[in-house]
Amino acid sequence: MIKAENIFKVYPTRLGDRLVLNDISFTLNRGEKLGILGRNGAGKSTLIRLVSGAEQATSGNIIRTMSVSWPLAFGGAFQGTLTGLDNIRFISRIYKQDYKQNIDFVADFTELGLYLREPVKSYSQGMRARLAFAISMIIEFDCYLIDEISAVGDARFHERCEIELFQKRCDRAMLIISHDTEYIRKHCSHFAVLHDGNMQFYSDFNGAYLNHMNNLHV
């Protein structure tokens, strides 16, 4: 279970404090898939970073009783000066994984070839996302955080992501954010819309979609 309790997130700016998340609470149980819609800057990625532990809330609590991945399209967990191979070795060691077996999987999945021997800081955003996704798949998390996976990579990459996540790991919990409303509709069982710092929940996609579209035209 992941339980967010009264989460507030404020960022200081030159024009004063900006409230990004305003008293957000929800529970995500094992196997549930929550899709969050929202316009650019609504705070979706901020929320995912808070759930992952990569960033702390200004106030409120996030309780995790299951293992949680880092955001799958987020390369912030990497050491930029290290190569892709070195990052795989480092993460494999932390999670007590077979490094050589993991190298084979990541190399095949990402198709980065010789770039795996180059520093990650030289990677494009798409390359970093592919590496982050592949490394996430070598660790069996109870909950996966998916941040705009559909926005990077080609059709072959998307197809392989679908197989790894929604076929092989269909029993896992997932928190998914995407501008692709069809992706959210297809893969989620619960829905929410984040707007002006507030999150509204829906049991059906159509209600969430209509709210989201109305917000885009405000």
N, C-alpha and C. Protein backbone atom coordinates (compact mmCIF):
# COMPACT_ATOMS: atom_id res chain seq x y z
N MET A 1 0.83 -1.20 0.00
CA MET A 1 0.00 0.00 0.00
C MET A 1 0.87 1.25 0.00
N ILE A 2 0.42 2.26 -0.75
CA ILE A 2 0.98 3.60 -0.67
C ILE A 2 -0.13 4.52 -0.20
N LYS A 3 0.13 5.25 0.86
CA LYS A 3 -0.88 6.15 1.40
C LYS A 3 -0.31 7.55 1.51
N ALA A 4 -0.89 8.47 0.76
CA ALA A 4 -0.51 9.88 0.83
C ALA A 4 -1.49 10.60 1.74
N GLU A 5 -0.96 11.28 2.75
CA GLU A 5 -1.81 11.93 3.75
C GLU A 5 -1.55 13.44 3.77
N ASN A 6 -2.52 14.20 3.29
CA ASN A 6 -2.49 15.67 3.40
C ASN A 6 -1.18 16.26 2.90
N ILE A 7 -0.86 15.93 1.64
CA ILE A 7 0.41 16.36 1.04
C ILE A 7 0.30 17.79 0.51
N PHE A 8 1.20 18.63 0.98
CA PHE A 8 1.38 19.98 0.45
C PHE A 8 2.78 20.09 -0.12
N LYS A 9 2.91 20.75 -1.26
CA LYS A 9 4.23 21.03 -1.83
C LYS A 9 4.27 22.47 -2.29
N VAL A 10 5.23 23.22 -1.74
CA VAL A 10 5.39 24.64 -2.07
C VAL A 10 6.80 24.85 -2.59
N TYR A 11 6.91 25.55 -3.71
CA TYR A 11 8.21 25.93 -4.26
C TYR A 11 8.39 27.45 -4.12
N PRO A 12 9.51 27.90 -3.57
CA PRO A 12 9.76 29.34 -3.51
C PRO A 12 10.16 29.87 -4.89
N THR A 13 9.64 31.02 -5.27
CA THR A 13 10.00 31.68 -6.52
C THR A 13 10.31 33.14 -6.23
N ARG A 14 10.82 33.85 -7.23
CA ARG A 14 11.12 35.26 -7.05
C ARG A 14 9.87 36.10 -6.83
N LEU A 15 8.73 35.53 -7.24
CA LEU A 15 7.46 36.24 -7.06
C LEU A 15 6.70 35.76 -5.82
N GLY A 16 7.36 34.93 -5.02
CA GLY A 16 6.71 34.41 -3.83
C GLY A 16 6.53 32.90 -3.91
N ASP A 17 6.02 32.33 -2.86
CA ASP A 17 5.81 30.88 -2.82
C ASP A 17 4.73 30.45 -3.80
N ARG A 18 4.98 29.29 -4.45
CA ARG A 18 3.99 28.72 -5.39
C ARG A 18 3.51 27.39 -4.84
N LEU A 19 2.21 27.31 -4.58
CA LEU A 19 1.61 26.08 -4.08
C LEU A 19 1.34 25.14 -5.25
N VAL A 20 2.04 24.02 -5.30
CA VAL A 20 1.91 23.07 -6.41
C VAL A 20 0.94 21.95 -6.07
N LEU A 21 1.00 21.45 -4.84
CA LEU A 21 0.09 20.40 -4.39
C LEU A 21 -0.59 20.86 -3.12
N ASN A 22 -1.91 20.81 -3.12
CA ASN A 22 -2.71 21.40 -2.05
C ASN A 22 -3.54 20.33 -1.33
N ASP A 23 -3.00 19.79 -0.24
CA ASP A 23 -3.73 18.85 0.60
C ASP A 23 -4.19 17.61 -0.18
N ILE A 24 -3.22 16.91 -0.77
CA ILE A 24 -3.49 15.72 -1.57
C ILE A 24 -3.47 14.48 -0.69
N SER A 25 -4.52 13.67 -0.77
CA SER A 25 -4.57 12.41 -0.03
C SER A 25 -5.14 11.32 -0.94
N PHE A 26 -4.53 10.14 -0.90
CA PHE A 26 -5.06 9.00 -1.63
C PHE A 26 -4.37 7.73 -1.13
N THR A 27 -4.97 6.60 -1.47
CA THR A 27 -4.39 5.29 -1.15
C THR A 27 -4.32 4.46 -2.42
N LEU A 28 -3.16 3.85 -2.64
CA LEU A 28 -2.96 2.96 -3.79
C LEU A 28 -2.61 1.58 -3.25
N ASN A 29 -3.49 0.63 -3.49
CA ASN A 29 -3.29 -0.73 -2.98
C ASN A 29 -2.62 -1.61 -4.03
N ARG A 30 -2.15 -2.76 -3.59
CA ARG A 30 -1.50 -3.71 -4.50
C ARG A 30 -2.41 -4.06 -5.67
N GLY A 31 -1.84 -3.99 -6.85
CA GLY A 31 -2.59 -4.35 -8.05
C GLY A 31 -3.39 -3.23 -8.67
N GLU A 32 -3.61 -2.14 -7.93
CA GLU A 32 -4.39 -1.03 -8.48
C GLU A 32 -3.53 -0.17 -9.39
N LYS A 33 -4.18 0.41 -10.39
CA LYS A 33 -3.47 1.26 -11.35
C LYS A 33 -4.21 2.59 -11.44
N LEU A 34 -3.55 3.63 -10.92
CA LEU A 34 -4.14 4.97 -10.85
C LEU A 34 -3.52 5.85 -11.93
N GLY A 35 -4.36 6.37 -12.82
CA GLY A 35 -3.91 7.27 -13.86
C GLY A 35 -4.26 8.71 -13.51
N ILE A 36 -3.27 9.60 -13.66
CA ILE A 36 -3.48 11.01 -13.31
C ILE A 36 -3.36 11.87 -14.56
N LEU A 37 -4.40 12.64 -14.84
CA LEU A 37 -4.42 13.59 -15.94
C LEU A 37 -4.20 15.00 -15.40
N GLY A 38 -3.66 15.86 -16.25
CA GLY A 38 -3.45 17.25 -15.84
C GLY A 38 -2.65 17.99 -16.90
N ARG A 39 -2.89 19.28 -16.99
CA ARG A 39 -2.17 20.08 -17.98
C ARG A 39 -0.72 20.24 -17.56
N ASN A 40 0.12 20.77 -18.46
CA ASN A 40 1.52 21.03 -18.14
C ASN A 40 1.63 21.94 -16.93
N GLY A 41 2.53 21.58 -16.01
CA GLY A 41 2.73 22.39 -14.83
C GLY A 41 1.73 22.15 -13.72
N ALA A 42 0.87 21.14 -13.87
CA ALA A 42 -0.16 20.89 -12.86
C ALA A 42 0.41 20.26 -11.59
N GLY A 43 1.61 19.68 -11.68
CA GLY A 43 2.23 19.05 -10.51
C GLY A 43 2.27 17.54 -10.56
N LYS A 44 1.98 16.95 -11.72
CA LYS A 44 1.94 15.49 -11.84
C LYS A 44 3.31 14.87 -11.57
N SER A 45 4.34 15.39 -12.22
CA SER A 45 5.68 14.84 -12.03
C SER A 45 6.18 15.11 -10.62
N THR A 46 5.79 16.24 -10.05
CA THR A 46 6.16 16.53 -8.66
C THR A 46 5.58 15.47 -7.73
N LEU A 47 4.32 15.14 -7.94
CA LEU A 47 3.67 14.13 -7.11
C LEU A 47 4.38 12.79 -7.21
N ILE A 48 4.74 12.40 -8.42
CA ILE A 48 5.43 11.12 -8.61
C ILE A 48 6.79 11.13 -7.92
N ARG A 49 7.50 12.26 -7.98
CA ARG A 49 8.80 12.33 -7.30
C ARG A 49 8.63 12.22 -5.79
N LEU A 50 7.56 12.79 -5.26
CA LEU A 50 7.31 12.68 -3.83
C LEU A 50 7.02 11.23 -3.44
N VAL A 51 6.20 10.56 -4.24
CA VAL A 51 5.87 9.16 -3.94
C VAL A 51 7.12 8.29 -4.01
N SER A 52 8.01 8.59 -4.95
CA SER A 52 9.23 7.79 -5.10
C SER A 52 10.22 8.03 -3.97
N GLY A 53 10.11 9.19 -3.32
CA GLY A 53 11.08 9.55 -2.29
C GLY A 53 12.23 10.38 -2.81
N ALA A 54 12.21 10.69 -4.13
CA ALA A 54 13.28 11.50 -4.72
C ALA A 54 13.20 12.95 -4.24
N GLU A 55 12.03 13.35 -3.75
CA GLU A 55 11.81 14.71 -3.27
C GLU A 55 10.88 14.63 -2.07
N GLN A 56 11.00 15.59 -1.16
CA GLN A 56 10.19 15.58 0.05
C GLN A 56 9.05 16.59 -0.04
N ALA A 57 7.92 16.24 0.56
CA ALA A 57 6.78 17.15 0.63
C ALA A 57 7.09 18.29 1.60
N THR A 58 6.48 19.44 1.38
CA THR A 58 6.60 20.54 2.33
C THR A 58 5.96 20.16 3.65
N SER A 59 4.80 19.49 3.58
CA SER A 59 4.17 18.92 4.76
C SER A 59 3.30 17.75 4.34
N GLY A 60 2.93 16.93 5.31
CA GLY A 60 2.17 15.73 5.01
C GLY A 60 3.07 14.50 5.02
N ASN A 61 2.46 13.34 4.90
CA ASN A 61 3.19 12.07 4.99
C ASN A 61 2.85 11.16 3.82
N ILE A 62 3.86 10.38 3.42
CA ILE A 62 3.64 9.31 2.44
C ILE A 62 4.11 8.02 3.09
N ILE A 63 3.18 7.09 3.26
CA ILE A 63 3.46 5.81 3.90
C ILE A 63 3.58 4.76 2.80
N ARG A 64 4.68 4.02 2.82
CA ARG A 64 4.91 2.98 1.82
C ARG A 64 5.08 1.64 2.53
N THR A 65 4.20 0.70 2.24
CA THR A 65 4.34 -0.65 2.80
C THR A 65 4.66 -1.66 1.70
N MET A 66 4.98 -1.14 0.50
CA MET A 66 5.46 -1.99 -0.59
C MET A 66 6.60 -1.27 -1.29
N SER A 67 7.43 -2.03 -1.97
CA SER A 67 8.58 -1.43 -2.66
C SER A 67 8.11 -0.62 -3.85
N VAL A 68 8.76 0.53 -4.05
CA VAL A 68 8.34 1.49 -5.08
C VAL A 68 9.51 1.80 -6.00
N SER A 69 9.26 1.80 -7.29
CA SER A 69 10.30 2.11 -8.27
C SER A 69 10.58 3.61 -8.28
N TRP A 70 11.67 3.99 -8.92
CA TRP A 70 11.85 5.39 -9.27
C TRP A 70 10.98 5.67 -10.50
N PRO A 71 10.69 6.94 -10.81
CA PRO A 71 9.89 7.23 -12.02
C PRO A 71 10.55 6.65 -13.25
N LEU A 72 9.81 5.84 -14.01
CA LEU A 72 10.42 5.04 -15.07
C LEU A 72 11.02 5.86 -16.21
N ALA A 73 10.53 7.07 -16.44
CA ALA A 73 11.12 7.89 -17.49
C ALA A 73 12.00 8.99 -16.90
N PHE A 74 12.45 8.78 -15.67
CA PHE A 74 13.22 9.79 -14.95
C PHE A 74 14.65 9.29 -14.79
N GLY A 75 15.62 10.04 -15.34
CA GLY A 75 17.01 9.65 -15.26
C GLY A 75 17.76 10.24 -14.10
N GLY A 76 17.06 10.88 -13.18
CA GLY A 76 17.73 11.57 -12.08
C GLY A 76 18.46 10.65 -11.12
N ALA A 77 18.10 9.34 -11.14
CA ALA A 77 18.76 8.40 -10.24
C ALA A 77 20.16 8.02 -10.72
N PHE A 78 20.51 8.38 -11.94
CA PHE A 78 21.79 7.99 -12.49
C PHE A 78 22.91 8.93 -12.06
N GLN A 79 24.11 8.36 -12.01
CA GLN A 79 25.32 9.16 -11.86
C GLN A 79 25.80 9.53 -13.26
N GLY A 80 25.69 10.79 -13.62
CA GLY A 80 25.96 11.21 -14.99
C GLY A 80 27.37 10.99 -15.47
N THR A 81 28.32 11.01 -14.55
CA THR A 81 29.72 10.83 -14.95
C THR A 81 30.06 9.36 -15.18
N LEU A 82 29.20 8.46 -14.71
CA LEU A 82 29.43 7.04 -14.92
C LEU A 82 28.81 6.59 -16.23
N THR A 83 29.32 5.52 -16.78
CA THR A 83 28.75 4.96 -18.00
C THR A 83 27.45 4.24 -17.69
N GLY A 84 26.73 3.90 -18.74
CA GLY A 84 25.53 3.09 -18.56
C GLY A 84 25.84 1.77 -17.87
N LEU A 85 26.93 1.13 -18.28
CA LEU A 85 27.34 -0.13 -17.66
C LEU A 85 27.65 0.04 -16.19
N ASP A 86 28.35 1.12 -15.85
CA ASP A 86 28.69 1.36 -14.45
C ASP A 86 27.44 1.59 -13.61
N ASN A 87 26.44 2.29 -14.18
CA ASN A 87 25.20 2.50 -13.45
C ASN A 87 24.45 1.18 -13.24
N ILE A 88 24.46 0.31 -14.23
CA ILE A 88 23.83 -1.01 -14.07
C ILE A 88 24.56 -1.80 -12.99
N ARG A 89 25.88 -1.75 -12.99
CA ARG A 89 26.66 -2.46 -11.98
C ARG A 89 26.34 -1.92 -10.58
N PHE A 90 26.27 -0.59 -10.47
CA PHE A 90 26.02 0.05 -9.18
C PHE A 90 24.64 -0.34 -8.63
N ILE A 91 23.60 -0.26 -9.47
CA ILE A 91 22.25 -0.56 -9.01
C ILE A 91 22.09 -2.06 -8.74
N SER A 92 22.74 -2.88 -9.56
CA SER A 92 22.69 -4.33 -9.33
C SER A 92 23.29 -4.68 -7.97
N ARG A 93 24.36 -3.99 -7.62
CA ARG A 93 25.02 -4.25 -6.33
C ARG A 93 24.13 -3.84 -5.17
N ILE A 94 23.45 -2.69 -5.30
CA ILE A 94 22.57 -2.21 -4.23
C ILE A 94 21.44 -3.21 -3.97
N TYR A 95 20.86 -3.74 -5.05
CA TYR A 95 19.72 -4.65 -4.92
C TYR A 95 20.14 -6.12 -4.94
N LYS A 96 21.46 -6.38 -4.86
CA LYS A 96 21.99 -7.74 -4.80
C LYS A 96 21.53 -8.58 -5.98
N GLN A 97 21.68 -7.99 -7.16
CA GLN A 97 21.30 -8.65 -8.40
C GLN A 97 22.54 -9.17 -9.13
N ASP A 98 22.31 -10.13 -10.04
CA ASP A 98 23.38 -10.67 -10.87
C ASP A 98 23.74 -9.63 -11.94
N TYR A 99 24.90 -9.01 -11.79
CA TYR A 99 25.29 -7.92 -12.68
C TYR A 99 25.39 -8.37 -14.14
N LYS A 100 26.02 -9.51 -14.39
CA LYS A 100 26.22 -9.95 -15.77
C LYS A 100 24.90 -10.27 -16.46
N GLN A 101 24.00 -10.91 -15.74
CA GLN A 101 22.68 -11.21 -16.31
C GLN A 101 21.91 -9.93 -16.59
N ASN A 102 22.04 -8.96 -15.71
CA ASN A 102 21.34 -7.68 -15.90
C ASN A 102 21.89 -6.91 -17.09
N ILE A 103 23.20 -6.98 -17.30
CA ILE A 103 23.82 -6.32 -18.45
C ILE A 103 23.21 -6.85 -19.74
N ASP A 104 23.07 -8.17 -19.83
CA ASP A 104 22.52 -8.78 -21.04
C ASP A 104 21.10 -8.29 -21.30
N PHE A 105 20.29 -8.24 -20.23
CA PHE A 105 18.90 -7.81 -20.40
C PHE A 105 18.84 -6.35 -20.83
N VAL A 106 19.59 -5.47 -20.15
CA VAL A 106 19.54 -4.03 -20.44
C VAL A 106 20.07 -3.75 -21.84
N ALA A 107 21.14 -4.41 -22.21
CA ALA A 107 21.71 -4.19 -23.54
C ALA A 107 20.72 -4.59 -24.63
N ASP A 108 20.04 -5.71 -24.43
CA ASP A 108 19.07 -6.17 -25.42
C ASP A 108 17.85 -5.25 -25.45
N PHE A 109 17.37 -4.84 -24.28
CA PHE A 109 16.15 -4.05 -24.22
C PHE A 109 16.35 -2.63 -24.75
N THR A 110 17.44 -1.99 -24.36
CA THR A 110 17.64 -0.58 -24.72
C THR A 110 18.18 -0.41 -26.13
N GLU A 111 18.90 -1.42 -26.62
CA GLU A 111 19.55 -1.34 -27.93
C GLU A 111 20.46 -0.10 -28.03
N LEU A 112 21.12 0.20 -26.89
CA LEU A 112 22.03 1.36 -26.87
C LEU A 112 23.42 1.03 -27.40
N GLY A 113 23.75 -0.25 -27.54
CA GLY A 113 25.01 -0.64 -28.14
C GLY A 113 26.22 -0.05 -27.42
N LEU A 114 27.10 0.57 -28.19
CA LEU A 114 28.34 1.13 -27.63
C LEU A 114 28.08 2.29 -26.68
N TYR A 115 26.89 2.89 -26.75
CA TYR A 115 26.59 4.01 -25.84
C TYR A 115 26.56 3.57 -24.38
N LEU A 116 26.35 2.27 -24.13
CA LEU A 116 26.38 1.80 -22.75
C LEU A 116 27.75 2.01 -22.11
N ARG A 117 28.77 2.18 -22.94
CA ARG A 117 30.12 2.42 -22.42
C ARG A 117 30.46 3.91 -22.34
N GLU A 118 29.46 4.76 -22.64
CA GLU A 118 29.65 6.21 -22.59
C GLU A 118 29.00 6.77 -21.32
N PRO A 119 29.49 7.93 -20.82
CA PRO A 119 28.87 8.55 -19.64
C PRO A 119 27.40 8.87 -19.90
N VAL A 120 26.57 8.63 -18.90
CA VAL A 120 25.13 8.86 -19.05
C VAL A 120 24.83 10.32 -19.32
N LYS A 121 25.69 11.23 -18.87
CA LYS A 121 25.46 12.66 -19.10
C LYS A 121 25.49 13.02 -20.58
N SER A 122 26.05 12.14 -21.40
CA SER A 122 26.09 12.38 -22.85
C SER A 122 24.85 11.85 -23.56
N TYR A 123 23.96 11.18 -22.82
CA TYR A 123 22.77 10.59 -23.42
C TYR A 123 21.72 11.65 -23.72
N SER A 124 20.92 11.38 -24.73
CA SER A 124 19.72 12.19 -24.96
C SER A 124 18.67 11.82 -23.92
N GLN A 125 17.61 12.61 -23.83
CA GLN A 125 16.54 12.32 -22.89
C GLN A 125 15.93 10.95 -23.17
N GLY A 126 15.72 10.64 -24.44
CA GLY A 126 15.15 9.36 -24.81
C GLY A 126 16.04 8.18 -24.42
N MET A 127 17.35 8.34 -24.59
CA MET A 127 18.29 7.27 -24.23
C MET A 127 18.29 7.06 -22.72
N ARG A 128 18.25 8.15 -21.97
CA ARG A 128 18.22 8.04 -20.50
C ARG A 128 16.92 7.35 -20.05
N ALA A 129 15.82 7.67 -20.73
CA ALA A 129 14.54 7.06 -20.38
C ALA A 129 14.57 5.56 -20.66
N ARG A 130 15.14 5.17 -21.79
CA ARG A 130 15.23 3.75 -22.12
C ARG A 130 16.09 3.00 -21.11
N LEU A 131 17.20 3.63 -20.71
CA LEU A 131 18.06 2.99 -19.72
C LEU A 131 17.35 2.90 -18.37
N ALA A 132 16.67 3.99 -17.97
CA ALA A 132 15.95 3.99 -16.69
C ALA A 132 14.87 2.91 -16.67
N PHE A 133 14.14 2.79 -17.78
CA PHE A 133 13.08 1.78 -17.84
C PHE A 133 13.67 0.38 -17.73
N ALA A 134 14.71 0.10 -18.51
CA ALA A 134 15.30 -1.24 -18.52
C ALA A 134 15.86 -1.61 -17.15
N ILE A 135 16.52 -0.66 -16.49
CA ILE A 135 17.06 -0.95 -15.16
C ILE A 135 15.93 -1.18 -14.17
N SER A 136 14.82 -0.45 -14.33
CA SER A 136 13.67 -0.67 -13.45
C SER A 136 13.13 -2.09 -13.60
N MET A 137 13.24 -2.66 -14.78
CA MET A 137 12.71 -3.99 -15.02
C MET A 137 13.59 -5.10 -14.44
N ILE A 138 14.84 -4.80 -14.11
CA ILE A 138 15.68 -5.83 -13.50
C ILE A 138 15.42 -5.94 -12.00
N ILE A 139 14.73 -4.97 -11.45
CA ILE A 139 14.35 -5.00 -10.04
C ILE A 139 12.84 -5.24 -9.97
N GLU A 140 12.42 -6.23 -9.21
CA GLU A 140 10.99 -6.55 -9.13
C GLU A 140 10.32 -5.72 -8.04
N PHE A 141 9.83 -4.55 -8.41
CA PHE A 141 9.13 -3.68 -7.47
C PHE A 141 7.67 -4.10 -7.33
N ASP A 142 7.07 -3.73 -6.19
CA ASP A 142 5.64 -3.97 -5.99
C ASP A 142 4.80 -2.89 -6.66
N CYS A 143 5.37 -1.70 -6.82
CA CYS A 143 4.66 -0.58 -7.43
C CYS A 143 5.58 0.14 -8.40
N TYR A 144 5.07 0.41 -9.58
CA TYR A 144 5.86 1.11 -10.60
C TYR A 144 5.27 2.50 -10.83
N LEU A 145 6.17 3.49 -10.87
CA LEU A 145 5.80 4.87 -11.13
C LEU A 145 6.15 5.18 -12.58
N ILE A 146 5.16 5.55 -13.37
CA ILE A 146 5.33 5.69 -14.81
C ILE A 146 5.09 7.14 -15.20
N ASP A 147 6.14 7.81 -15.65
CA ASP A 147 6.10 9.24 -15.95
C ASP A 147 6.33 9.46 -17.44
N GLU A 148 5.24 9.56 -18.18
CA GLU A 148 5.31 9.88 -19.63
C GLU A 148 6.16 8.90 -20.43
N ILE A 149 6.02 7.62 -20.16
CA ILE A 149 6.73 6.61 -20.95
C ILE A 149 6.34 6.71 -22.42
N SER A 150 5.07 7.02 -22.68
CA SER A 150 4.59 7.06 -24.07
C SER A 150 5.17 8.22 -24.86
N ALA A 151 5.88 9.14 -24.17
CA ALA A 151 6.42 10.32 -24.85
C ALA A 151 7.82 10.10 -25.41
N VAL A 152 8.45 8.97 -25.08
CA VAL A 152 9.81 8.72 -25.54
C VAL A 152 9.88 7.38 -26.26
N GLY A 153 10.85 7.26 -27.14
CA GLY A 153 11.08 6.01 -27.83
C GLY A 153 10.19 5.81 -29.05
N ASP A 154 10.48 4.76 -29.78
CA ASP A 154 9.73 4.46 -30.99
C ASP A 154 8.69 3.38 -30.70
N ALA A 155 8.00 2.95 -31.76
CA ALA A 155 6.91 1.98 -31.59
C ALA A 155 7.43 0.66 -31.01
N ARG A 156 8.62 0.24 -31.42
CA ARG A 156 9.19 -1.01 -30.90
C ARG A 156 9.45 -0.90 -29.41
N PHE A 157 9.98 0.24 -28.96
CA PHE A 157 10.24 0.45 -27.54
C PHE A 157 8.92 0.42 -26.76
N HIS A 158 7.89 1.09 -27.27
CA HIS A 158 6.61 1.12 -26.59
C HIS A 158 6.01 -0.28 -26.48
N GLU A 159 6.15 -1.07 -27.53
CA GLU A 159 5.61 -2.43 -27.51
C GLU A 159 6.30 -3.28 -26.45
N ARG A 160 7.61 -3.12 -26.32
CA ARG A 160 8.35 -3.90 -25.33
C ARG A 160 8.02 -3.43 -23.92
N CYS A 161 7.80 -2.12 -23.75
CA CYS A 161 7.37 -1.61 -22.45
C CYS A 161 6.02 -2.21 -22.05
N GLU A 162 5.11 -2.28 -23.01
CA GLU A 162 3.79 -2.83 -22.75
C GLU A 162 3.89 -4.27 -22.25
N ILE A 163 4.73 -5.05 -22.90
CA ILE A 163 4.88 -6.47 -22.53
C ILE A 163 5.45 -6.59 -21.13
N GLU A 164 6.53 -5.85 -20.85
CA GLU A 164 7.19 -5.93 -19.54
C GLU A 164 6.27 -5.48 -18.41
N LEU A 165 5.55 -4.37 -18.63
CA LEU A 165 4.74 -3.80 -17.56
C LEU A 165 3.36 -4.43 -17.44
N PHE A 166 2.63 -4.45 -18.53
CA PHE A 166 1.21 -4.76 -18.44
C PHE A 166 0.87 -6.22 -18.74
N GLN A 167 1.87 -7.00 -19.15
CA GLN A 167 1.66 -8.44 -19.28
C GLN A 167 2.43 -9.19 -18.20
N LYS A 168 3.74 -9.00 -18.16
CA LYS A 168 4.56 -9.74 -17.19
C LYS A 168 4.34 -9.27 -15.76
N ARG A 169 3.97 -7.99 -15.58
CA ARG A 169 3.81 -7.44 -14.23
C ARG A 169 2.40 -6.87 -14.03
N CYS A 170 1.43 -7.53 -14.59
CA CYS A 170 0.05 -7.03 -14.53
C CYS A 170 -0.51 -7.04 -13.11
N ASP A 171 0.13 -7.76 -12.20
CA ASP A 171 -0.37 -7.85 -10.82
C ASP A 171 0.20 -6.74 -9.93
N ARG A 172 1.05 -5.86 -10.47
CA ARG A 172 1.68 -4.82 -9.65
C ARG A 172 0.81 -3.56 -9.61
N ALA A 173 1.02 -2.79 -8.55
CA ALA A 173 0.39 -1.46 -8.48
C ALA A 173 1.15 -0.51 -9.39
N MET A 174 0.44 0.48 -9.94
CA MET A 174 1.08 1.46 -10.81
C MET A 174 0.44 2.83 -10.61
N LEU A 175 1.29 3.83 -10.63
CA LEU A 175 0.86 5.23 -10.64
C LEU A 175 1.35 5.80 -11.96
N ILE A 176 0.41 6.19 -12.83
CA ILE A 176 0.75 6.55 -14.21
C ILE A 176 0.33 7.98 -14.50
N ILE A 177 1.26 8.77 -15.04
CA ILE A 177 0.92 10.09 -15.55
C ILE A 177 1.31 10.15 -17.03
N SER A 178 0.45 10.78 -17.81
CA SER A 178 0.72 10.88 -19.24
C SER A 178 -0.18 11.93 -19.86
N HIS A 179 0.32 12.61 -20.89
CA HIS A 179 -0.52 13.50 -21.68
C HIS A 179 -1.37 12.71 -22.67
N ASP A 180 -1.03 11.44 -22.83
CA ASP A 180 -1.75 10.56 -23.76
C ASP A 180 -2.96 9.99 -23.03
N THR A 181 -4.13 10.60 -23.23
CA THR A 181 -5.32 10.17 -22.50
C THR A 181 -5.71 8.73 -22.84
N GLU A 182 -5.46 8.30 -24.06
CA GLU A 182 -5.79 6.93 -24.44
C GLU A 182 -4.94 5.93 -23.67
N TYR A 183 -3.68 6.28 -23.41
CA TYR A 183 -2.78 5.43 -22.64
C TYR A 183 -3.32 5.25 -21.22
N ILE A 184 -3.80 6.35 -20.63
CA ILE A 184 -4.39 6.30 -19.29
C ILE A 184 -5.66 5.44 -19.30
N ARG A 185 -6.52 5.67 -20.29
CA ARG A 185 -7.78 4.91 -20.37
C ARG A 185 -7.52 3.42 -20.50
N LYS A 186 -6.55 3.06 -21.31
CA LYS A 186 -6.28 1.66 -21.62
C LYS A 186 -5.72 0.90 -20.43
N HIS A 187 -4.89 1.57 -19.63
CA HIS A 187 -4.12 0.83 -18.63
C HIS A 187 -4.55 1.02 -17.19
N CYS A 188 -5.43 1.96 -16.91
CA CYS A 188 -5.75 2.27 -15.51
C CYS A 188 -7.16 1.83 -15.13
N SER A 189 -7.33 1.56 -13.84
CA SER A 189 -8.63 1.19 -13.30
C SER A 189 -9.20 2.30 -12.42
N HIS A 190 -8.36 3.23 -12.00
CA HIS A 190 -8.77 4.38 -11.21
C HIS A 190 -8.19 5.63 -11.85
N PHE A 191 -8.87 6.77 -11.67
CA PHE A 191 -8.47 7.97 -12.40
C PHE A 191 -8.54 9.20 -11.49
N ALA A 192 -7.70 10.18 -11.81
CA ALA A 192 -7.72 11.44 -11.07
C ALA A 192 -7.29 12.56 -12.01
N VAL A 193 -7.73 13.76 -11.69
CA VAL A 193 -7.34 14.96 -12.44
C VAL A 193 -6.70 15.93 -11.46
N LEU A 194 -5.50 16.39 -11.80
CA LEU A 194 -4.77 17.35 -10.97
C LEU A 194 -4.87 18.72 -11.63
N HIS A 195 -5.41 19.70 -10.89
CA HIS A 195 -5.60 21.04 -11.44
C HIS A 195 -5.55 22.06 -10.32
N ASP A 196 -4.73 23.10 -10.53
CA ASP A 196 -4.58 24.17 -9.53
C ASP A 196 -4.24 23.62 -8.16
N GLY A 197 -3.41 22.58 -8.14
CA GLY A 197 -2.94 22.02 -6.87
C GLY A 197 -3.88 21.03 -6.23
N ASN A 198 -5.09 20.89 -6.78
CA ASN A 198 -6.09 20.00 -6.19
C ASN A 198 -6.28 18.75 -7.06
N MET A 199 -6.56 17.63 -6.41
CA MET A 199 -6.74 16.39 -7.15
C MET A 199 -8.14 15.85 -6.91
N GLN A 200 -8.84 15.60 -8.02
CA GLN A 200 -10.20 15.08 -7.95
C GLN A 200 -10.21 13.67 -8.52
N PHE A 201 -10.88 12.75 -7.85
CA PHE A 201 -10.83 11.33 -8.20
C PHE A 201 -12.12 10.88 -8.89
N TYR A 202 -11.95 9.89 -9.79
CA TYR A 202 -13.08 9.36 -10.56
C TYR A 202 -12.97 7.84 -10.64
N SER A 203 -14.12 7.19 -10.62
CA SER A 203 -14.15 5.74 -10.77
C SER A 203 -14.23 5.33 -12.23
N ASP A 204 -14.56 6.29 -13.11
CA ASP A 204 -14.62 5.98 -14.54
C ASP A 204 -13.80 7.00 -15.33
N PHE A 205 -13.31 6.56 -16.47
CA PHE A 205 -12.43 7.40 -17.27
C PHE A 205 -13.15 8.61 -17.86
N ASN A 206 -14.38 8.43 -18.30
CA ASN A 206 -15.08 9.50 -19.00
C ASN A 206 -15.21 10.76 -18.16
N GLY A 207 -15.53 10.60 -16.88
CA GLY A 207 -15.64 11.76 -16.01
C GLY A 207 -14.32 12.48 -15.86
N ALA A 208 -13.24 11.72 -15.70
CA ALA A 208 -11.91 12.32 -15.57
C ALA A 208 -11.52 13.03 -16.87
N TYR A 209 -11.82 12.40 -17.99
CA TYR A 209 -11.46 12.97 -19.29
C TYR A 209 -12.17 14.30 -19.53
N LEU A 210 -13.46 14.36 -19.23
CA LEU A 210 -14.23 15.59 -19.45
C LEU A 210 -13.70 16.72 -18.57
N ASN A 211 -13.39 16.41 -17.32
CA ASN A 211 -12.83 17.42 -16.42
C ASN A 211 -11.49 17.91 -16.95
N HIS A 212 -10.65 16.98 -17.36
CA HIS A 212 -9.32 17.33 -17.89
C HIS A 212 -9.44 18.22 -19.12
N MET A 213 -10.31 17.88 -20.04
CA MET A 213 -10.46 18.67 -21.25
C MET A 213 -11.00 20.07 -20.95
N ASN A 214 -11.91 20.17 -19.99
CA ASN A 214 -12.42 21.48 -19.59
C ASN A 214 -11.30 22.34 -19.01
N ASN A 215 -10.43 21.74 -18.24
CA ASN A 215 -9.31 22.48 -17.64
C ASN A 215 -8.34 22.99 -18.70
N LEU A 216 -8.19 22.25 -19.78
CA LEU A 216 -7.27 22.66 -20.84
C LEU A 216 -7.76 23.93 -21.54
N HIS A 217 -9.07 24.19 -21.47
CA HIS A 217 -9.63 25.33 -22.18
C HIS A 217 -9.97 26.50 -21.25
N VAL A 218 -9.56 26.36 -19.97
CA VAL A 218 -9.79 27.46 -19.03
C VAL A 218 -8.84 28.60 -19.31
